């Protein structure tokens, strides 16, 4: 059971990262270097996320990416899921 939960968690993180990288490319035309600069992250952090070397990114990394892309993280405790929405 624990392994399935870990895989599900990893898949949900990958989905969030995929959405953020898609927004960065489609809406902003950012390369990974530009995304790293906009999010105030190192290029290696963004590269490792994009190449799936980082399996469990830190929440602050996701928050920085979201902020750089005009999004915010919203966590729903009861539903046990997270969503992204455009920042107000």
PDB file of N, CA and C in Angstrom:
ATOM      1  N   UNK A   1       0.826  -1.202   0.000  1.00  0.00           N
ATOM      2  CA  UNK A   1       0.000   0.000   0.000  1.00  0.00           C
ATOM      3  C   UNK A   1       0.867   1.262   0.000  1.00  0.00           C
ATOM      4  N   UNK A   2       1.949   1.248   0.794  1.00  0.00           N
ATOM      5  CA  UNK A   2       2.815   2.416   0.887  1.00  0.00           C
ATOM      6  C   UNK A   2       3.462   2.742  -0.456  1.00  0.00           C
ATOM      7  N   UNK A   3       3.889   1.729  -1.193  1.00  0.00           N
ATOM      8  CA  UNK A   3       4.518   1.968  -2.496  1.00  0.00           C
ATOM      9  C   UNK A   3       3.536   2.589  -3.477  1.00  0.00           C
ATOM     10  N   UNK A   4       2.289   2.119  -3.460  1.00  0.00           N
ATOM     11  CA  UNK A   4       1.289   2.689  -4.365  1.00  0.00           C
ATOM     12  C   UNK A   4       1.060   4.160  -4.020  1.00  0.00           C
ATOM     13  N   UNK A   5       1.002   4.463  -2.745  1.00  0.00           N
ATOM     14  CA  UNK A   5       0.798   5.847  -2.318  1.00  0.00           C
ATOM     15  C   UNK A   5       1.978   6.709  -2.766  1.00  0.00           C
ATOM     16  N   UNK A   6       3.201   6.188  -2.634  1.00  0.00           N
ATOM     17  CA  UNK A   6       4.378   6.920  -3.090  1.00  0.00           C
ATOM     18  C   UNK A   6       4.333   7.158  -4.589  1.00  0.00           C
ATOM     19  N   UNK A   7       3.941   6.144  -5.350  1.00  0.00           N
ATOM     20  CA  UNK A   7       3.849   6.296  -6.813  1.00  0.00           C
ATOM     21  C   UNK A   7       2.784   7.311  -7.176  1.00  0.00           C
ATOM     22  N   UNK A   8       1.647   7.261  -6.491  1.00  0.00           N
ATOM     23  CA  UNK A   8       0.575   8.226  -6.763  1.00  0.00           C
ATOM     24  C   UNK A   8       1.032   9.651  -6.446  1.00  0.00           C
ATOM     25  N   UNK A   9       1.737   9.805  -5.343  1.00  0.00           N
ATOM     26  CA  UNK A   9       2.258  11.112  -4.956  1.00  0.00           C
ATOM     27  C   UNK A   9       3.258  11.609  -5.990  1.00  0.00           C
ATOM     28  N   UNK A  10       4.155  10.733  -6.414  1.00  0.00           N
ATOM     29  CA  UNK A  10       5.146  11.096  -7.425  1.00  0.00           C
ATOM     30  C   UNK A  10       4.460  11.485  -8.735  1.00  0.00           C
ATOM     31  N   UNK A  11       3.425  10.747  -9.127  1.00  0.00           N
ATOM     32  CA  UNK A  11       2.698  11.073 -10.359  1.00  0.00           C
ATOM     33  C   UNK A  11       2.031  12.439 -10.253  1.00  0.00           C
ATOM     34  N   UNK A  12       1.470  12.744  -9.072  1.00  0.00           N
ATOM     35  CA  UNK A  12       0.806  14.045  -8.922  1.00  0.00           C
ATOM     36  C   UNK A  12       1.826  15.179  -8.964  1.00  0.00           C
ATOM     37  N   UNK A  13       3.007  14.981  -8.370  1.00  0.00           N
ATOM     38  CA  UNK A  13       4.057  16.003  -8.459  1.00  0.00           C
ATOM     39  C   UNK A  13       4.524  16.173  -9.897  1.00  0.00           C
ATOM     40  N   UNK A  14       4.691  15.067 -10.605  1.00  0.00           N
ATOM     41  CA  UNK A  14       5.097  15.146 -12.007  1.00  0.00           C
ATOM     42  C   UNK A  14       4.061  15.900 -12.826  1.00  0.00           C
ATOM     43  N   UNK A  15       2.789  15.682 -12.535  1.00  0.00           N
ATOM     44  CA  UNK A  15       1.728  16.370 -13.269  1.00  0.00           C
ATOM     45  C   UNK A  15       1.796  17.879 -13.032  1.00  0.00           C
ATOM     46  N   UNK A  16       2.045  18.283 -11.787  1.00  0.00           N
ATOM     47  CA  UNK A  16       2.160  19.707 -11.478  1.00  0.00           C
ATOM     48  C   UNK A  16       3.356  20.305 -12.209  1.00  0.00           C
ATOM     49  N   UNK A  17       4.487  19.622 -12.155  1.00  0.00           N
ATOM     50  CA  UNK A  17       5.690  20.108 -12.840  1.00  0.00           C
ATOM     51  C   UNK A  17       5.435  20.210 -14.345  1.00  0.00           C
ATOM     52  N   UNK A  18       4.763  19.212 -14.915  1.00  0.00           N
ATOM     53  CA  UNK A  18       4.450  19.242 -16.347  1.00  0.00           C
ATOM     54  C   UNK A  18       3.601  20.456 -16.699  1.00  0.00           C
ATOM     55  N   UNK A  19       2.599  20.738 -15.878  1.00  0.00           N
ATOM     56  CA  UNK A  19       1.730  21.896 -16.130  1.00  0.00           C
ATOM     57  C   UNK A  19       2.549  23.182 -16.067  1.00  0.00           C
ATOM     58  N   UNK A  20       3.401  23.302 -15.066  1.00  0.00           N
ATOM     59  CA  UNK A  20       4.207  24.513 -14.923  1.00  0.00           C
ATOM     60  C   UNK A  20       5.164  24.701 -16.090  1.00  0.00           C
ATOM     61  N   UNK A  21       5.802  23.625 -16.527  1.00  0.00           N
ATOM     62  CA  UNK A  21       6.729  23.735 -17.655  1.00  0.00           C
ATOM     63  C   UNK A  21       5.969  24.059 -18.945  1.00  0.00           C
ATOM     64  N   UNK A  22       4.763  23.540 -19.087  1.00  0.00           N
ATOM     65  CA  UNK A  22       3.949  23.849 -20.260  1.00  0.00           C
ATOM     66  C   UNK A  22       3.544  25.323 -20.263  1.00  0.00           C
ATOM     67  N   UNK A  23       3.128  25.832 -19.114  1.00  0.00           N
ATOM     68  CA  UNK A  23       2.778  27.246 -19.001  1.00  0.00           C
ATOM     69  C   UNK A  23       3.996  28.114 -19.312  1.00  0.00           C
ATOM     70  N   UNK A  24       5.150  27.732 -18.761  1.00  0.00           N
ATOM     71  CA  UNK A  24       6.379  28.498 -18.991  1.00  0.00           C
ATOM     72  C   UNK A  24       6.699  28.586 -20.479  1.00  0.00           C
ATOM     73  N   UNK A  25       6.499  27.496 -21.185  1.00  0.00           N
ATOM     74  CA  UNK A  25       6.803  27.459 -22.615  1.00  0.00           C
ATOM     75  C   UNK A  25       5.708  28.132 -23.440  1.00  0.00           C
ATOM     76  N   UNK A  26       4.456  27.729 -23.232  1.00  0.00           N
ATOM     77  CA  UNK A  26       3.351  28.206 -24.063  1.00  0.00           C
ATOM     78  C   UNK A  26       2.995  29.672 -23.835  1.00  0.00           C
ATOM     79  N   UNK A  27       2.934  30.086 -22.570  1.00  0.00           N
ATOM     80  CA  UNK A  27       2.483  31.442 -22.271  1.00  0.00           C
ATOM     81  C   UNK A  27       3.615  32.464 -22.185  1.00  0.00           C
ATOM     82  N   UNK A  28       4.801  32.009 -21.803  1.00  0.00           N
ATOM     83  CA  UNK A  28       5.914  32.936 -21.594  1.00  0.00           C
ATOM     84  C   UNK A  28       7.065  32.725 -22.568  1.00  0.00           C
ATOM     85  N   UNK A  29       7.095  31.592 -23.228  1.00  0.00           N
ATOM     86  CA  UNK A  29       8.186  31.291 -24.139  1.00  0.00           C
ATOM     87  C   UNK A  29       9.521  31.114 -23.430  1.00  0.00           C
ATOM     88  N   UNK A  30       9.467  30.747 -22.144  1.00  0.00           N
ATOM     89  CA  UNK A  30      10.678  30.594 -21.347  1.00  0.00           C
ATOM     90  C   UNK A  30      11.447  29.332 -21.710  1.00  0.00           C
ATOM     91  N   UNK A  31      12.741  29.475 -21.806  1.00  0.00           N
ATOM     92  CA  UNK A  31      13.631  28.314 -21.808  1.00  0.00           C
ATOM     93  C   UNK A  31      13.811  27.916 -20.340  1.00  0.00           C
ATOM     94  N   UNK A  32      14.482  26.825 -20.092  1.00  0.00           N
ATOM     95  CA  UNK A  32      14.729  26.413 -18.706  1.00  0.00           C
ATOM     96  C   UNK A  32      15.609  27.436 -17.994  1.00  0.00           C
ATOM     97  N   UNK A  33      16.545  28.024 -18.710  1.00  0.00           N
ATOM     98  CA  UNK A  33      17.422  29.055 -18.123  1.00  0.00           C
ATOM     99  C   UNK A  33      16.584  30.263 -17.713  1.00  0.00           C
ATOM    100  N   UNK A  34      15.687  30.699 -18.588  1.00  0.00           N
ATOM    101  CA  UNK A  34      14.836  31.857 -18.292  1.00  0.00           C
ATOM    102  C   UNK A  34      13.853  31.558 -17.162  1.00  0.00           C
ATOM    103  N   UNK A  35      13.316  30.340 -17.143  1.00  0.00           N
ATOM    104  CA  UNK A  35      12.403  29.950 -16.066  1.00  0.00           C
ATOM    105  C   UNK A  35      13.134  29.960 -14.730  1.00  0.00           C
ATOM    106  N   UNK A  36      14.341  29.426 -14.707  1.00  0.00           N
ATOM    107  CA  UNK A  36      15.136  29.423 -13.475  1.00  0.00           C
ATOM    108  C   UNK A  36      15.369  30.850 -12.983  1.00  0.00           C
ATOM    109  N   UNK A  37      15.738  31.748 -13.881  1.00  0.00           N
ATOM    110  CA  UNK A  37      15.984  33.140 -13.498  1.00  0.00           C
ATOM    111  C   UNK A  37      14.707  33.799 -12.979  1.00  0.00           C
ATOM    112  N   UNK A  38      13.590  33.595 -13.670  1.00  0.00           N
ATOM    113  CA  UNK A  38      12.321  34.200 -13.264  1.00  0.00           C
ATOM    114  C   UNK A  38      11.860  33.690 -11.901  1.00  0.00           C
ATOM    115  N   UNK A  39      12.137  32.417 -11.613  1.00  0.00           N
ATOM    116  CA  UNK A  39      11.714  31.804 -10.353  1.00  0.00           C
ATOM    117  C   UNK A  39      12.763  31.959  -9.252  1.00  0.00           C
ATOM    118  N   UNK A  40      13.904  32.574  -9.589  1.00  0.00           N
ATOM    119  CA  UNK A  40      15.016  32.718  -8.643  1.00  0.00           C
ATOM    120  C   UNK A  40      15.468  31.352  -8.120  1.00  0.00           C
ATOM    121  N   UNK A  41      15.581  30.424  -9.055  1.00  0.00           N
ATOM    122  CA  UNK A  41      16.086  29.079  -8.770  1.00  0.00           C
ATOM    123  C   UNK A  41      17.344  28.863  -9.596  1.00  0.00           C
ATOM    124  N   UNK A  42      18.150  27.913  -9.193  1.00  0.00           N
ATOM    125  CA  UNK A  42      19.326  27.601 -10.000  1.00  0.00           C
ATOM    126  C   UNK A  42      18.875  26.852 -11.256  1.00  0.00           C
ATOM    127  N   UNK A  43      19.676  27.004 -12.305  1.00  0.00           N
ATOM    128  CA  UNK A  43      19.375  26.284 -13.541  1.00  0.00           C
ATOM    129  C   UNK A  43      19.366  24.780 -13.293  1.00  0.00           C
ATOM    130  N   UNK A  44      20.299  24.290 -12.455  1.00  0.00           N
ATOM    131  CA  UNK A  44      20.363  22.847 -12.211  1.00  0.00           C
ATOM    132  C   UNK A  44      19.084  22.330 -11.539  1.00  0.00           C
ATOM    133  N   UNK A  45      18.460  23.150 -10.696  1.00  0.00           N
ATOM    134  CA  UNK A  45      17.188  22.751 -10.078  1.00  0.00           C
ATOM    135  C   UNK A  45      16.111  22.576 -11.135  1.00  0.00           C
ATOM    136  N   UNK A  46      16.003  23.546 -12.026  1.00  0.00           N
ATOM    137  CA  UNK A  46      14.995  23.472 -13.092  1.00  0.00           C
ATOM    138  C   UNK A  46      15.309  22.328 -14.054  1.00  0.00           C
ATOM    139  N   UNK A  47      16.571  22.184 -14.410  1.00  0.00           N
ATOM    140  CA  UNK A  47      16.979  21.090 -15.307  1.00  0.00           C
ATOM    141  C   UNK A  47      16.650  19.729 -14.686  1.00  0.00           C
ATOM    142  N   UNK A  48      16.959  19.559 -13.405  1.00  0.00           N
ATOM    143  CA  UNK A  48      16.689  18.279 -12.744  1.00  0.00           C
ATOM    144  C   UNK A  48      15.197  17.988 -12.650  1.00  0.00           C
ATOM    145  N   UNK A  49      14.391  19.022 -12.467  1.00  0.00           N
ATOM    146  CA  UNK A  49      12.934  18.835 -12.492  1.00  0.00           C
ATOM    147  C   UNK A  49      12.481  18.425 -13.889  1.00  0.00           C
ATOM    148  N   UNK A  50      12.967  19.136 -14.882  1.00  0.00           N
ATOM    149  CA  UNK A  50      12.571  18.851 -16.266  1.00  0.00           C
ATOM    150  C   UNK A  50      13.010  17.492 -16.746  1.00  0.00           C
ATOM    151  N   UNK A  51      14.156  17.029 -16.260  1.00  0.00           N
ATOM    152  CA  UNK A  51      14.676  15.716 -16.663  1.00  0.00           C
ATOM    153  C   UNK A  51      14.241  14.596 -15.733  1.00  0.00           C
ATOM    154  N   UNK A  52      13.388  14.917 -14.755  1.00  0.00           N
ATOM    155  CA  UNK A  52      12.858  13.942 -13.796  1.00  0.00           C
ATOM    156  C   UNK A  52      13.930  13.332 -12.891  1.00  0.00           C
ATOM    157  N   UNK A  53      15.032  14.055 -12.693  1.00  0.00           N
ATOM    158  CA  UNK A  53      16.033  13.597 -11.730  1.00  0.00           C
ATOM    159  C   UNK A  53      15.570  13.906 -10.311  1.00  0.00           C
ATOM    160  N   UNK A  54      14.853  15.008 -10.151  1.00  0.00           N
ATOM    161  CA  UNK A  54      14.269  15.346  -8.857  1.00  0.00           C
ATOM    162  C   UNK A  54      12.889  14.719  -8.798  1.00  0.00           C
ATOM    163  N   UNK A  55      12.728  13.752  -7.924  1.00  0.00           N
ATOM    164  CA  UNK A  55      11.465  13.017  -7.835  1.00  0.00           C
ATOM    165  C   UNK A  55      10.474  13.739  -6.931  1.00  0.00           C
ATOM    166  N   UNK A  56      10.962  14.261  -5.815  1.00  0.00           N
ATOM    167  CA  UNK A  56      10.103  14.939  -4.849  1.00  0.00           C
ATOM    168  C   UNK A  56      10.579  16.375  -4.649  1.00  0.00           C
ATOM    169  N   UNK A  57      10.148  17.289  -5.515  1.00  0.00           N
ATOM    170  CA  UNK A  57      10.582  18.681  -5.349  1.00  0.00           C
ATOM    171  C   UNK A  57      10.039  19.274  -4.049  1.00  0.00           C
ATOM    172  N   UNK A  58      10.791  20.187  -3.494  1.00  0.00           N
ATOM    173  CA  UNK A  58      10.339  20.864  -2.281  1.00  0.00           C
ATOM    174  C   UNK A  58       9.187  21.795  -2.615  1.00  0.00           C
ATOM    175  N   UNK A  59       8.307  21.981  -1.642  1.00  0.00           N
ATOM    176  CA  UNK A  59       7.154  22.848  -1.847  1.00  0.00           C
ATOM    177  C   UNK A  59       7.590  24.255  -2.223  1.00  0.00           C
ATOM    178  N   UNK A  60       8.643  24.755  -1.599  1.00  0.00           N
ATOM    179  CA  UNK A  60       9.086  26.110  -1.915  1.00  0.00           C
ATOM    180  C   UNK A  60       9.546  26.236  -3.368  1.00  0.00           C
ATOM    181  N   UNK A  61      10.056  25.150  -3.946  1.00  0.00           N
ATOM    182  CA  UNK A  61      10.435  25.166  -5.362  1.00  0.00           C
ATOM    183  C   UNK A  61       9.202  25.305  -6.234  1.00  0.00           C
ATOM    184  N   UNK A  62       8.165  24.528  -5.923  1.00  0.00           N
ATOM    185  CA  UNK A  62       6.903  24.610  -6.669  1.00  0.00           C
ATOM    186  C   UNK A  62       6.296  26.006  -6.517  1.00  0.00           C
ATOM    187  N   UNK A  63       6.350  26.545  -5.306  1.00  0.00           N
ATOM    188  CA  UNK A  63       5.790  27.882  -5.061  1.00  0.00           C
ATOM    189  C   UNK A  63       6.540  28.937  -5.867  1.00  0.00           C
ATOM    190  N   UNK A  64       7.854  28.842  -5.928  1.00  0.00           N
ATOM    191  CA  UNK A  64       8.640  29.811  -6.701  1.00  0.00           C
ATOM    192  C   UNK A  64       8.316  29.723  -8.190  1.00  0.00           C
ATOM    193  N   UNK A  65       8.188  28.507  -8.695  1.00  0.00           N
ATOM    194  CA  UNK A  65       7.829  28.334 -10.105  1.00  0.00           C
ATOM    195  C   UNK A  65       6.450  28.932 -10.374  1.00  0.00           C
ATOM    196  N   UNK A  66       5.507  28.633  -9.501  1.00  0.00           N
ATOM    197  CA  UNK A  66       4.156  29.173  -9.657  1.00  0.00           C
ATOM    198  C   UNK A  66       4.172  30.698  -9.648  1.00  0.00           C
ATOM    199  N   UNK A  67       4.868  31.260  -8.714  1.00  0.00           N
ATOM    200  CA  UNK A  67       4.932  32.716  -8.597  1.00  0.00           C
ATOM    201  C   UNK A  67       5.524  33.345  -9.854  1.00  0.00           C
ATOM    202  N   UNK A  68       6.564  32.740 -10.394  1.00  0.00           N
ATOM    203  CA  UNK A  68       7.200  33.262 -11.612  1.00  0.00           C
ATOM    204  C   UNK A  68       6.264  33.197 -12.804  1.00  0.00           C
ATOM    205  N   UNK A  69       5.269  32.308 -12.730  1.00  0.00           N
ATOM    206  CA  UNK A  69       4.340  32.119 -13.843  1.00  0.00           C
ATOM    207  C   UNK A  69       2.955  32.694 -13.553  1.00  0.00           C
ATOM    208  N   UNK A  70       2.867  33.529 -12.511  1.00  0.00           N
ATOM    209  CA  UNK A  70       1.593  34.166 -12.189  1.00  0.00           C
ATOM    210  C   UNK A  70       0.546  33.209 -11.668  1.00  0.00           C
ATOM    211  N   UNK A  71       0.990  32.152 -11.016  1.00  0.00           N
ATOM    212  CA  UNK A  71       0.073  31.154 -10.454  1.00  0.00           C
ATOM    213  C   UNK A  71       0.308  31.050  -8.960  1.00  0.00           C
ATOM    214  N   UNK A  72      -0.614  30.422  -8.267  1.00  0.00           N
ATOM    215  CA  UNK A  72      -0.433  30.125  -6.850  1.00  0.00           C
ATOM    216  C   UNK A  72      -0.842  28.688  -6.589  1.00  0.00           C
ATOM    217  N   UNK A  73      -0.313  28.127  -5.524  1.00  0.00           N
ATOM    218  CA  UNK A  73      -0.636  26.758  -5.135  1.00  0.00           C
ATOM    219  C   UNK A  73      -1.789  26.813  -4.149  1.00  0.00           C
ATOM    220  N   UNK A  74      -2.790  26.002  -4.384  1.00  0.00           N
ATOM    221  CA  UNK A  74      -3.923  25.899  -3.476  1.00  0.00           C
ATOM    222  C   UNK A  74      -4.038  24.440  -3.062  1.00  0.00           C
ATOM    223  N   UNK A  75      -3.981  24.185  -1.759  1.00  0.00           N
ATOM    224  CA  UNK A  75      -4.063  22.819  -1.253  1.00  0.00           C
ATOM    225  C   UNK A  75      -5.430  22.630  -0.611  1.00  0.00           C
ATOM    226  N   UNK A  76      -6.097  21.572  -1.018  1.00  0.00           N
ATOM    227  CA  UNK A  76      -7.410  21.229  -0.490  1.00  0.00           C
ATOM    228  C   UNK A  76      -7.244  20.025   0.425  1.00  0.00           C
ATOM    229  N   UNK A  77      -7.366  20.235   1.715  1.00  0.00           N
ATOM    230  CA  UNK A  77      -7.104  19.172   2.680  1.00  0.00           C
ATOM    231  C   UNK A  77      -8.062  17.996   2.533  1.00  0.00           C
ATOM    232  N   UNK A  78      -9.343  18.244   2.452  1.00  0.00           N
ATOM    233  CA  UNK A  78     -10.311  17.153   2.394  1.00  0.00           C
ATOM    234  C   UNK A  78     -10.171  16.320   1.135  1.00  0.00           C
ATOM    235  N   UNK A  79      -9.930  16.987   0.023  1.00  0.00           N
ATOM    236  CA  UNK A  79      -9.805  16.266  -1.241  1.00  0.00           C
ATOM    237  C   UNK A  79      -8.420  15.644  -1.393  1.00  0.00           C
ATOM    238  N   UNK A  80      -7.467  16.083  -0.552  1.00  0.00           N
ATOM    239  CA  UNK A  80      -6.097  15.587  -0.599  1.00  0.00           C
ATOM    240  C   UNK A  80      -5.488  15.737  -1.998  1.00  0.00           C
ATOM    241  N   UNK A  81      -5.702  16.914  -2.555  1.00  0.00           N
ATOM    242  CA  UNK A  81      -5.117  17.186  -3.863  1.00  0.00           C
ATOM    243  C   UNK A  81      -4.746  18.653  -3.910  1.00  0.00           C
ATOM    244  N   UNK A  82      -3.899  18.976  -4.834  1.00  0.00           N
ATOM    245  CA  UNK A  82      -3.502  20.370  -5.009  1.00  0.00           C
ATOM    246  C   UNK A  82      -3.897  20.809  -6.408  1.00  0.00           C
ATOM    247  N   UNK A  83      -4.107  22.083  -6.556  1.00  0.00           N
ATOM    248  CA  UNK A  83      -4.422  22.619  -7.878  1.00  0.00           C
ATOM    249  C   UNK A  83      -3.666  23.926  -8.064  1.00  0.00           C
ATOM    250  N   UNK A  84      -3.563  24.330  -9.290  1.00  0.00           N
ATOM    251  CA  UNK A  84      -2.915  25.588  -9.620  1.00  0.00           C
ATOM    252  C   UNK A  84      -3.978  26.529 -10.162  1.00  0.00           C
ATOM    253  N   UNK A  85      -3.867  27.779  -9.784  1.00  0.00           N
ATOM    254  CA  UNK A  85      -4.778  28.767 -10.367  1.00  0.00           C
ATOM    255  C   UNK A  85      -4.027  30.055 -10.574  1.00  0.00           C
ATOM    256  N   UNK A  86      -4.549  30.847 -11.477  1.00  0.00           N
ATOM    257  CA  UNK A  86      -3.930  32.127 -11.793  1.00  0.00           C
ATOM    258  C   UNK A  86      -4.010  33.010 -10.547  1.00  0.00           C
ATOM    259  N   UNK A  87      -2.901  33.649 -10.211  1.00  0.00           N
ATOM    260  CA  UNK A  87      -2.877  34.526  -9.037  1.00  0.00           C
ATOM    261  C   UNK A  87      -3.775  35.732  -9.263  1.00  0.00           C
ATOM    262  N   UNK A  88      -4.422  36.165  -8.199  1.00  0.00           N
ATOM    263  CA  UNK A  88      -5.353  37.296  -8.295  1.00  0.00           C
ATOM    264  C   UNK A  88      -4.633  38.600  -8.379  1.00  0.00           C
TER     265      UNK A  88
END
